[in-house]
Amino acid sequence: MSNLVAVIMAAGKGTRMKSKLPKVMHTLAGKTLVEHVLDMVGKVGVNRPLVIVGHGRESVEACINNRAEIVIQTEQLGTGHAVLQAMPYVEDDQTVLVLSGDQPLLRSETLNALVELHQAQGASATVLTAVIEQPFGYGRIIKKGVDLVRIVEEKDASPEEREIKEINTGTYCFKGSALKTALSKITTQNAQGEYYLTEVFDIFLKNQEKILTYSTTNSYEALGINSRGQLAEAEAIVRKSILDYWMAEGVTIVDPVSTFIGIDVELAQDVTILPFTRLLGKTVIEEDAVIGPQTTIDNCIVGCGAAVTYTVARDSEIGEGCNIGPFSYLRPGTKLGPAVKIGDFVEIKNSWIEAGAKVPHLSYIGDAHVGKSANIGAGTITCNYDGVNKHLTKIGDHAFIGSNTNLVAPVEVGEYAVTGAGSTVTKDVPAKALVVERSQQVIKEHWHREKIK
């Protein structure tokens, strides 16, 4: 949307969260609260919002990662003072959208409607409102039609005013020039000794400037996150929304109550999600894959028809038709070709396992390249770390690695080669060769003696 700037307030400590983290750094559906708000304003056409930081600003800045212009509020002197810090970045003819970094449930459709009403009517300010069943603690909206008459705070409200269910959400649109002028006039003459942003509405009303209201149709959008309880409440709302969306798109979720799907996850039609499964980050699951039960997949691509059960996988690629688990661990950098089998109690790290290869059980494969249709016997490990550096192990196509083999990297086993069970391989093995490296078996008969009485 042209001529629109967003100011996001993210400087507060959030004392009710009782946390070392700034409030906006707590996560919801796999993303921090402030990232949700940044995503939302991006959808309404704001490419570089202004984010006001204060408490814990280093962590907030690192999270934002150049997605916004940082405005520092060195002293937290109230919401009006916070917005005032952003005014040097705002032009008089711009529309200013002011939001809180702790309101992640606002929808872009609502913000678009708010801004469109504000600009079409040429208002000095427009207040986003919501109707909620239990408005205790919120400022009540007194209005005539869509025109704001006043905002009355809970402590100042009469018994009749406290019955009003339409509340101030804390999200506003302003005409840039009008906001700058009003902010220059606010004072700290209140119980907290702070500069309140809401005081600008008294100034507008005194000057008979137009202030409009726009009420969201979804009351949950007004929910600000001020406590762990409210964070859990918001999590339930977002989680249900995500699950309902994917089920409507043709995904089978056997037990929604025990299933968590992050907001950036992408699922294809006819994916099946079994109970106690968590899909996180930018995970992509392709059609006909079956995930779970009790599986965590984070930032992975899972191919068509793959089955992943009782598994943890992070930053990995799982090819079509793969069979993973139970009790497998795929660490970052794992790339599995089509129809690969990774079985129980197998750990793979930073390795490329090509099509049809099998690592059925009880193995560690790290910093390795395993060729097509190779078979890795039980108990095999790649000894990839020499105490200083990591080294590569290469296993050729159709190689057969006997049970309990130690492959001391850097080492290469050629295609169709075989290692004898229990071998420790320290030198390259030619293609089609057999390598056996173990001491000769020694038998000492009559070794056991009865205990002398």
Foldseek 3Di string as FASTA:
>chain_A
DPLEAEEEEQADQLVQAVDLDRQQQDDALFHGLLVLVLVLVVVLPHQAYEYEHERPVVVVCVRCPPSYHYFYDPDCQEPLSRVLSCLVVHDQQGKYKYYYSQQNLDHSVQVNVQVVVCVVVVFQKEFEKEFDPQQPQFWAFDADPFWTPATHGNVRDDPVRNVGRIGTLRIMIGRSNLLNVLSVPFFLPDPVSGGYSRVSVVVCVVVVTTYGYDYDPDRSSSQGDSYVVSSVVSNVVVLVVVVVVVVVQAEAEPDSVQEREGPQEAEHHQEYEYGNEYEHDNEYEYHLEYEEDNEYEYCEYAEYNEYAYCEYAYQEYHEHQEYYEDCEYEYHLEYEYHHEYHYHCEYEENEYAYAQEYDHEQEYHYQEYAEHNEYAAHQEYEQQDPPPDGAYEYEYHNEYEAHNEYEYPPEYEYDCEYEHHNYDDDYYHYHNYYHYHDDDDDDDPPPDDPDDD
